Amino acid sequence: MSVHDLLKNINQEDSKVPLAVDKALPQIEALVNVVVDKMNNGGRLFYIGAGTSGRLGILDASEIPPTYGMPHGKVIGLIAGGDGAIRKAVENAEDDAQQAWKDLEEHLINQNDVLIGIAASGRTPYVIGGVKEARRQGIVTGCITCNQGSELSQQVDFPIEVVVGPEFVTGSTRMKAGTAQKLVLNMISTSVMIKLGRVKGNKMVDMLLTNQKLVDRGTRMIMDELKVSYDKAEELLKVHGSVRKAIDSQRHA
């Protein structure tokens, strides 16, 4: 194929992903509801996966504290092979069915928490072993997979199956399957954070002010909400340290 045809055909395949996600919305809703309930009662959310699936879980978890001001350790992503596998594949790590539970035990996972296994194929031993043991221990389990009726789906309480079909490059599940997993993870964590009160309107009022861009964004949120000047909004933000606290300080003054 020409480069033009390659790009056009990849894009055509990618366009099927949101339609597949749409069919899974009832499954996603059921899992979100239980995560909200558990986290409202002090629980945590865990993701486990291998390869691309593991990296996507870690990516989602790592973005929760800066975006929503949620303490580190409330959403935790684990990958087969450990943190080194984020950058470089670790041989055979995903084939160890016992290791995921060992990794989870290091974080003292318990019945207050929820565990979501992520595996495009739905047959990764690391992930299946982890959710099976967690379920045995009375922990709520879910999964995100791209195959229907997989072993992983059968081993969890709340399966999410986003069936995207064959990949443009056969077996390259970082493509449509990875895109589907990313969309679902976005939906889960965003919905949960909104339901936990970490968003006001559609604004990230609890975001961490870790760079000038975010300080500017926060300042403009305060301007918009309180109808004050940029300088006044920036001053309030610096004094109170967060958009939410700055706005509340004036509302309750």
Protein backbone atom coordinates (compact mmCIF):
# COMPACT_ATOMS: atom_id res chain seq x y z
CA MET A 1 0.00 0.00 0.00
CA SER A 2 1.01 3.61 -0.48
CA VAL A 3 1.49 5.71 2.68
CA HIS A 4 -1.83 7.41 1.92
CA ASP A 5 -3.63 4.05 1.74
CA LEU A 6 -1.92 2.81 4.91
CA LEU A 7 -3.07 5.85 6.87
CA LYS A 8 -6.59 5.76 5.43
CA ASN A 9 -7.03 2.06 6.22
CA ILE A 10 -5.63 2.39 9.75
CA ASN A 11 -7.99 5.29 10.38
CA GLN A 12 -10.94 3.29 9.03
CA GLU A 13 -10.15 0.48 11.46
CA ASP A 14 -9.75 2.95 14.34
CA SER A 15 -13.19 4.44 13.60
CA LYS A 16 -14.77 1.12 14.65
CA VAL A 17 -13.49 1.45 18.22
CA PRO A 18 -15.99 3.98 19.68
CA LEU A 19 -18.85 1.92 18.27
CA ALA A 20 -17.54 -1.15 20.07
CA VAL A 21 -17.15 0.85 23.30
CA ASP A 22 -20.74 2.09 22.97
CA LYS A 23 -22.01 -1.50 23.04
CA ALA A 24 -20.15 -2.06 26.31
CA LEU A 25 -21.57 1.00 28.13
CA PRO A 26 -23.90 -1.04 30.40
CA GLN A 27 -20.92 -3.15 31.53
CA ILE A 28 -18.81 -0.03 32.13
CA GLU A 29 -21.64 1.59 34.10
CA ALA A 30 -21.96 -1.40 36.43
CA LEU A 31 -18.25 -1.37 37.23
CA VAL A 32 -18.10 2.42 37.71
CA ASN A 33 -20.95 2.25 40.22
CA VAL A 34 -19.16 -0.30 42.39
CA VAL A 35 -15.84 1.60 42.20
CA VAL A 36 -17.56 4.82 43.32
CA ASP A 37 -19.19 2.97 46.21
CA LYS A 38 -15.91 1.41 47.35
CA MET A 39 -13.86 4.60 47.01
CA ASN A 40 -16.53 6.61 48.84
CA ASN A 41 -15.92 4.24 51.73
CA GLY A 42 -12.14 4.64 51.72
CA GLY A 43 -11.25 1.92 49.20
CA ARG A 44 -8.79 2.06 46.34
CA LEU A 45 -8.78 1.15 42.66
CA PHE A 46 -6.13 -1.20 41.27
CA TYR A 47 -5.25 -1.97 37.65
CA ILE A 48 -3.11 -4.94 36.61
CA GLY A 49 -1.92 -5.80 33.12
CA ALA A 50 1.01 -6.92 30.98
CA GLY A 51 2.66 -5.07 28.09
CA THR A 52 0.51 -2.38 26.49
CA SER A 53 -2.41 -3.18 28.81
CA GLY A 54 -0.25 -2.75 31.90
CA ARG A 55 1.21 0.51 30.59
CA LEU A 56 -2.25 1.93 29.90
CA GLY A 57 -3.35 1.12 33.45
CA ILE A 58 -0.27 2.83 34.89
CA LEU A 59 -0.84 5.84 32.63
CA ASP A 60 -4.43 6.21 33.83
CA ALA A 61 -3.47 5.81 37.50
CA SER A 62 -0.57 8.26 37.26
CA GLU A 63 -2.80 11.03 35.91
CA ILE A 64 -5.33 10.95 38.77
CA PRO A 65 -3.37 12.92 41.42
CA PRO A 66 -2.36 15.86 39.20
CA THR A 67 -5.71 16.10 37.44
CA TYR A 68 -8.03 15.63 40.41
CA GLY A 69 -5.87 16.29 43.48
CA MET A 70 -6.52 12.74 44.67
CA PRO A 71 -3.76 11.48 47.01
CA HIS A 72 -1.18 9.16 45.48
CA GLY A 73 -1.97 5.54 46.21
CA LYS A 74 -5.74 5.77 45.73
CA VAL A 75 -5.54 4.55 42.12
CA ILE A 76 -2.66 2.13 41.53
CA GLY A 77 -1.44 0.59 38.28
CA LEU A 78 0.75 -2.53 38.27
CA ILE A 79 2.49 -4.15 35.31
CA ALA A 80 3.87 -7.66 34.85
CA GLY A 81 7.64 -7.46 35.25
CA GLY A 82 7.54 -4.42 37.54
CA ASP A 83 8.23 -0.77 36.78
CA GLY A 84 11.13 -1.68 34.48
CA ALA A 85 8.59 -3.20 32.09
CA ILE A 86 7.00 0.21 31.53
CA ARG A 87 9.86 1.12 29.17
CA LYS A 88 11.24 -2.24 28.12
CA ALA A 89 9.48 -5.59 27.68
CA VAL A 90 10.35 -8.18 30.33
CA GLU A 91 10.52 -11.69 28.90
CA ASN A 92 7.91 -14.16 30.16
CA ALA A 93 6.68 -11.81 32.91
CA GLU A 94 3.07 -12.13 31.76
CA ASP A 95 3.21 -15.94 31.97
CA ASP A 96 3.56 -16.04 35.78
CA ALA A 97 0.09 -16.64 37.17
CA GLN A 98 1.21 -16.15 40.80
CA GLN A 99 3.15 -12.90 40.52
CA ALA A 100 0.22 -10.47 40.25
CA TRP A 101 -1.13 -11.44 43.65
CA LYS A 102 2.35 -11.03 45.17
CA ASP A 103 2.53 -7.56 43.61
CA LEU A 104 -0.92 -6.69 44.96
CA GLU A 105 -0.09 -7.96 48.45
CA GLU A 106 2.77 -5.46 48.63
CA HIS A 107 0.08 -2.77 48.54
CA LEU A 108 -2.03 -4.56 51.18
CA ILE A 109 -4.99 -4.93 48.84
CA ASN A 110 -8.13 -5.83 50.80
CA GLN A 111 -11.92 -6.15 50.60
CA ASN A 112 -12.39 -2.36 50.60
CA ASP A 113 -10.67 -2.17 47.19
CA VAL A 114 -11.54 -2.95 43.57
CA LEU A 115 -9.22 -4.73 41.13
CA ILE A 116 -9.51 -4.35 37.35
CA GLY A 117 -7.54 -6.73 35.15
CA ILE A 118 -6.66 -5.41 31.69
CA ALA A 119 -5.84 -7.86 28.87
CA ALA A 120 -6.78 -7.49 25.21
CA SER A 121 -6.73 -11.24 24.65
CA GLY A 122 -8.43 -12.09 27.93
CA ARG A 123 -6.01 -14.95 28.50
CA THR A 124 -2.89 -13.37 30.08
CA PRO A 125 -1.85 -15.64 33.02
CA TYR A 126 -0.50 -12.74 35.12
CA VAL A 127 -3.86 -10.98 34.98
CA ILE A 128 -6.07 -14.05 35.33
CA GLY A 129 -4.04 -15.30 38.30
CA GLY A 130 -4.35 -11.91 39.99
CA VAL A 131 -8.12 -11.55 39.62
CA LYS A 132 -8.79 -15.17 40.56
CA GLU A 133 -6.95 -14.86 43.85
CA ALA A 134 -8.46 -11.44 44.56
CA ARG A 135 -11.95 -12.81 44.01
CA ARG A 136 -11.15 -15.73 46.30
CA GLN A 137 -10.18 -13.19 48.93
CA GLY A 138 -13.55 -11.43 48.61
CA ILE A 139 -12.26 -8.44 46.63
CA VAL A 140 -14.51 -6.98 43.90
CA THR A 141 -13.01 -7.66 40.47
CA GLY A 142 -13.56 -6.34 36.96
CA CYS A 143 -11.76 -6.56 33.63
CA ILE A 144 -11.30 -4.82 30.31
CA THR A 145 -10.80 -7.20 27.40
CA CYS A 146 -11.36 -7.21 23.65
CA ASN A 147 -12.42 -10.83 23.22
CA GLN A 148 -15.88 -12.14 23.94
CA GLY A 149 -16.31 -14.93 26.48
CA SER A 150 -12.64 -15.03 27.45
CA GLU A 151 -11.32 -16.80 30.52
CA LEU A 152 -10.58 -13.43 32.12
CA SER A 153 -14.21 -12.33 31.75
CA GLN A 154 -15.35 -15.56 33.37
CA GLN A 155 -13.09 -15.00 36.39
CA VAL A 156 -14.34 -11.52 37.39
CA ASP A 157 -17.49 -10.00 38.87
CA PHE A 158 -17.77 -7.14 36.36
CA PRO A 159 -16.42 -7.98 32.89
CA ILE A 160 -16.14 -5.29 30.21
CA GLU A 161 -15.77 -6.72 26.70
CA VAL A 162 -15.03 -4.27 23.89
CA VAL A 163 -14.89 -6.44 20.77
CA VAL A 164 -12.97 -4.41 18.17
CA GLY A 165 -12.20 -7.20 15.69
CA PRO A 166 -8.92 -8.11 13.93
CA GLU A 167 -6.09 -5.57 14.01
CA PHE A 168 -4.70 -3.83 10.91
CA VAL A 169 -1.40 -5.57 11.72
CA THR A 170 -2.52 -9.00 12.90
CA GLY A 171 -2.02 -9.45 16.64
CA SER A 172 -0.81 -5.87 17.25
CA THR A 173 -3.18 -5.19 20.12
CA ARG A 174 -1.57 -1.85 20.89
CA MET A 175 -3.72 -0.55 18.02
CA LYS A 176 -7.54 -0.92 18.14
CA ALA A 177 -7.52 -2.94 21.35
CA GLY A 178 -5.17 -0.47 23.04
CA THR A 179 -7.31 2.45 21.87
CA ALA A 180 -10.43 0.75 23.23
CA GLN A 181 -8.78 0.09 26.58
CA LYS A 182 -7.63 3.72 26.81
CA LEU A 183 -11.15 4.98 26.07
CA VAL A 184 -12.67 2.71 28.71
CA LEU A 185 -10.05 3.63 31.32
CA ASN A 186 -10.70 7.32 30.61
CA MET A 187 -14.41 6.73 31.11
CA ILE A 188 -14.01 4.76 34.33
CA SER A 189 -11.58 7.07 36.11
CA THR A 190 -13.21 10.30 34.90
CA SER A 191 -16.72 9.16 35.89
CA VAL A 192 -15.48 7.96 39.27
CA MET A 193 -13.66 11.24 40.00
CA ILE A 194 -16.74 13.28 39.02
CA LYS A 195 -18.97 11.15 41.25
CA LEU A 196 -16.47 11.56 44.11
CA GLY A 197 -16.88 15.33 43.80
CA ARG A 198 -13.46 16.04 42.29
CA VAL A 199 -14.92 18.18 39.49
CA LYS A 200 -17.04 21.34 39.75
CA GLY A 201 -19.18 21.93 36.69
CA ASN A 202 -16.73 20.55 34.15
CA LYS A 203 -13.67 22.14 35.77
CA MET A 204 -10.67 20.43 37.41
CA VAL A 205 -10.92 22.48 40.59
CA ASP A 206 -8.67 20.13 42.60
CA MET A 207 -5.84 19.85 40.06
CA LEU A 208 -2.27 20.19 41.36
CA LEU A 209 -0.66 23.46 40.32
CA THR A 210 2.58 21.87 39.15
CA ASN A 211 3.51 24.27 36.32
CA GLN A 212 2.78 27.76 35.01
CA LYS A 213 0.28 26.48 32.44
CA LEU A 214 -1.86 24.97 35.19
CA VAL A 215 -1.54 28.07 37.38
CA ASP A 216 -2.78 30.13 34.45
CA ARG A 217 -5.63 27.70 33.81
CA GLY A 218 -6.62 27.77 37.47
CA THR A 219 -6.49 31.55 37.54
CA ARG A 220 -8.84 31.76 34.58
CA MET A 221 -11.25 29.31 36.23
CA ILE A 222 -11.42 31.58 39.27
CA MET A 223 -11.88 34.66 37.06
CA ASP A 224 -14.77 32.99 35.29
CA GLU A 225 -16.44 31.70 38.45
CA LEU A 226 -16.05 34.80 40.65
CA LYS A 227 -16.08 37.48 37.92
CA VAL A 228 -12.85 39.06 39.18
CA SER A 229 -9.71 40.35 37.43
CA TYR A 230 -6.84 38.07 36.42
CA ASP A 231 -4.58 39.61 39.06
CA LYS A 232 -7.16 39.15 41.81
CA ALA A 233 -7.82 35.56 40.73
CA GLU A 234 -4.09 34.78 40.64
CA GLU A 235 -3.65 36.26 44.11
CA LEU A 236 -6.51 34.14 45.48
CA LEU A 237 -5.03 31.02 43.89
CA LYS A 238 -1.60 31.66 45.43
CA VAL A 239 -3.08 32.31 48.87
CA HIS A 240 -5.37 29.25 48.93
CA GLY A 241 -3.38 26.78 46.79
CA SER A 242 -6.29 25.35 44.83
CA VAL A 243 -9.11 26.55 42.60
CA ARG A 244 -11.76 24.99 44.86
CA LYS A 245 -10.42 26.61 48.04
CA ALA A 246 -10.02 29.99 46.34
CA ILE A 247 -13.62 29.96 45.12
CA ASP A 248 -15.00 28.66 48.42
CA SER A 249 -13.11 31.36 50.36
CA GLN A 250 -15.03 34.06 48.52
CA ARG A 251 -18.37 32.27 48.53
CA HIS A 252 -18.24 31.84 52.29
CA ALA A 253 -16.69 35.23 53.04
